[in-house]
Amino acid sequence: MSAALAAALAALGLAAVAFFVTARRSRELRRRPGNVCAFARHPDRERWLGGHGVWVNDVFAFRRGPAGWDETLLWVASVSSRAPTKEELTRLRRIGADPVVATFALASGGSTAFAASGADRHALLGPFA
């Protein structure tokens, strides 16, 4: 076996291991108790970013990306909920039936909007439900 072929097989093996580790970590994050599948939108941006969140007291931990490499911890002071506008519904495809948009007022100032399906309404509002 040539050295180039051995190197290619080693690289392929490492890539396969990395893929399976990432997939397993992502599945474990989705199965956390209290997990809510949600979309987040910063007030300065139009785009909704998908991820998973969980409440720990009054802190909402939101993770995006495969295996949750991008995590944001938000200390929430209050939450208000509403139905999404027609413009928001066009951007929130695949969200599910009877969606809800919750605006989190942060203790540090500012706010962030999260959207989830109606079935996840109480999980999204957490201790502020």
Protein backbone atom coordinates (compact mmCIF):
# COMPACT_ATOMS: atom_id res chain seq x y z
CA MET A 1 0.00 0.00 0.00
CA SER A 2 1.42 3.37 -0.95
CA ALA A 3 1.99 6.14 1.58
CA ALA A 4 -0.51 8.42 -0.16
CA LEU A 5 -3.25 5.80 0.05
CA ALA A 6 -2.50 5.16 3.73
CA ALA A 7 -2.66 8.90 4.46
CA ALA A 8 -5.98 9.21 2.61
CA LEU A 9 -7.48 6.28 4.53
CA ALA A 10 -6.28 7.76 7.84
CA ALA A 11 -7.84 11.13 6.99
CA LEU A 12 -11.09 9.43 5.96
CA GLY A 13 -11.14 7.48 9.23
CA LEU A 14 -10.62 10.64 11.28
CA ALA A 15 -13.38 12.41 9.37
CA ALA A 16 -15.77 9.52 10.02
CA VAL A 17 -14.98 9.53 13.75
CA ALA A 18 -15.49 13.32 13.91
CA PHE A 19 -18.84 12.99 12.11
CA PHE A 20 -20.14 10.30 14.48
CA VAL A 21 -18.98 12.19 17.58
CA THR A 22 -20.72 15.35 16.34
CA ALA A 23 -23.93 13.48 15.53
CA ARG A 24 -23.99 11.79 18.93
CA ARG A 25 -23.36 15.05 20.79
CA SER A 26 -26.11 16.78 18.84
CA ARG A 27 -28.58 14.00 19.66
CA GLU A 28 -27.64 14.17 23.36
CA LEU A 29 -28.26 17.92 23.42
CA ARG A 30 -31.71 17.50 21.85
CA ARG A 31 -32.66 14.96 24.53
CA ARG A 32 -31.90 17.21 27.54
CA PRO A 33 -34.75 17.53 30.05
CA GLY A 34 -36.67 20.73 29.35
CA ASN A 35 -35.17 21.13 25.88
CA VAL A 36 -37.06 23.39 23.47
CA CYS A 37 -36.43 23.59 19.74
CA ALA A 38 -36.53 27.31 18.91
CA PHE A 39 -35.47 30.00 16.48
CA ALA A 40 -33.63 33.09 17.74
CA ARG A 41 -33.48 36.58 16.25
CA HIS A 42 -31.41 39.46 17.54
CA PRO A 43 -33.26 42.82 17.29
CA ASP A 44 -30.66 44.20 14.85
CA ARG A 45 -31.05 41.33 12.38
CA GLU A 46 -33.81 39.93 10.18
CA ARG A 47 -32.65 36.33 10.04
CA TRP A 48 -33.95 33.66 12.42
CA LEU A 49 -31.33 31.12 13.55
CA GLY A 50 -32.38 27.65 14.65
CA GLY A 51 -31.15 25.90 17.75
CA HIS A 52 -32.10 24.35 21.07
CA GLY A 53 -32.56 25.97 24.44
CA VAL A 54 -33.09 25.02 28.05
CA TRP A 55 -34.00 27.05 31.13
CA VAL A 56 -31.87 26.99 34.29
CA ASN A 57 -33.73 29.20 36.78
CA ASP A 58 -33.91 32.61 35.04
CA VAL A 59 -31.06 31.90 32.61
CA PHE A 60 -31.88 30.64 29.12
CA ALA A 61 -29.06 28.61 27.56
CA PHE A 62 -29.39 28.55 23.77
CA ARG A 63 -27.18 26.43 21.53
CA ARG A 64 -26.83 26.60 17.77
CA GLY A 65 -24.98 24.56 15.24
CA PRO A 66 -23.98 20.94 15.16
CA ALA A 67 -23.20 19.56 18.61
CA GLY A 68 -23.92 22.94 20.19
CA TRP A 69 -20.58 24.61 19.69
CA ASP A 70 -22.14 28.08 19.69
CA GLU A 71 -23.82 28.62 23.08
CA THR A 72 -25.34 31.80 24.48
CA LEU A 73 -26.37 32.26 28.11
CA LEU A 74 -29.08 34.89 28.60
CA TRP A 75 -30.04 36.22 32.02
CA VAL A 76 -33.71 37.02 31.47
CA ALA A 77 -35.60 39.66 33.47
CA SER A 78 -39.03 39.22 31.84
CA VAL A 79 -40.73 37.52 28.91
CA SER A 80 -43.65 38.65 26.76
CA SER A 81 -45.27 36.45 24.15
CA ARG A 82 -47.35 37.10 21.05
CA ALA A 83 -48.42 35.52 17.79
CA PRO A 84 -45.99 35.97 14.90
CA THR A 85 -46.69 38.52 12.17
CA LYS A 86 -47.25 37.41 8.56
CA GLU A 87 -43.74 38.56 7.65
CA GLU A 88 -42.26 36.51 10.50
CA LEU A 89 -44.27 33.45 9.46
CA THR A 90 -42.76 33.56 5.96
CA ARG A 91 -39.29 33.47 7.53
CA LEU A 92 -40.20 30.85 10.14
CA ARG A 93 -40.83 27.89 7.88
CA ARG A 94 -41.03 24.43 9.46
CA ILE A 95 -41.83 25.85 12.90
CA GLY A 96 -45.01 23.86 13.40
CA ALA A 97 -48.61 24.62 14.21
CA ASP A 98 -49.75 27.64 16.24
CA PRO A 99 -46.30 29.25 16.65
CA VAL A 100 -45.45 31.73 19.39
CA VAL A 101 -42.87 34.52 19.47
CA ALA A 102 -41.43 35.39 22.88
CA THR A 103 -39.40 38.53 23.52
CA PHE A 104 -36.88 38.10 26.31
CA ALA A 105 -36.00 41.33 28.14
CA LEU A 106 -32.45 40.79 29.36
CA ALA A 107 -31.19 41.81 32.80
CA SER A 108 -28.20 43.50 31.14
CA GLY A 109 -30.48 45.56 28.91
CA GLY A 110 -31.72 44.88 25.42
CA SER A 111 -33.88 42.05 24.20
CA THR A 112 -33.86 38.97 22.03
CA ALA A 113 -36.78 37.27 20.27
CA PHE A 114 -37.35 33.52 20.20
CA ALA A 115 -39.96 31.58 18.25
CA ALA A 116 -41.23 28.05 18.83
CA SER A 117 -44.20 25.88 17.95
CA GLY A 118 -47.37 26.09 19.99
CA ALA A 119 -46.62 22.70 21.54
CA ASP A 120 -43.39 24.14 22.99
CA ARG A 121 -45.02 27.37 24.26
CA HIS A 122 -44.63 26.59 27.99
CA ALA A 123 -41.13 25.22 27.56
CA LEU A 124 -40.11 28.42 25.71
CA LEU A 125 -41.58 30.73 28.35
CA GLY A 126 -40.02 28.67 31.13
CA PRO A 127 -40.35 30.20 34.61
CA PHE A 128 -42.18 33.20 33.11
CA ALA A 129 -45.10 31.12 31.79
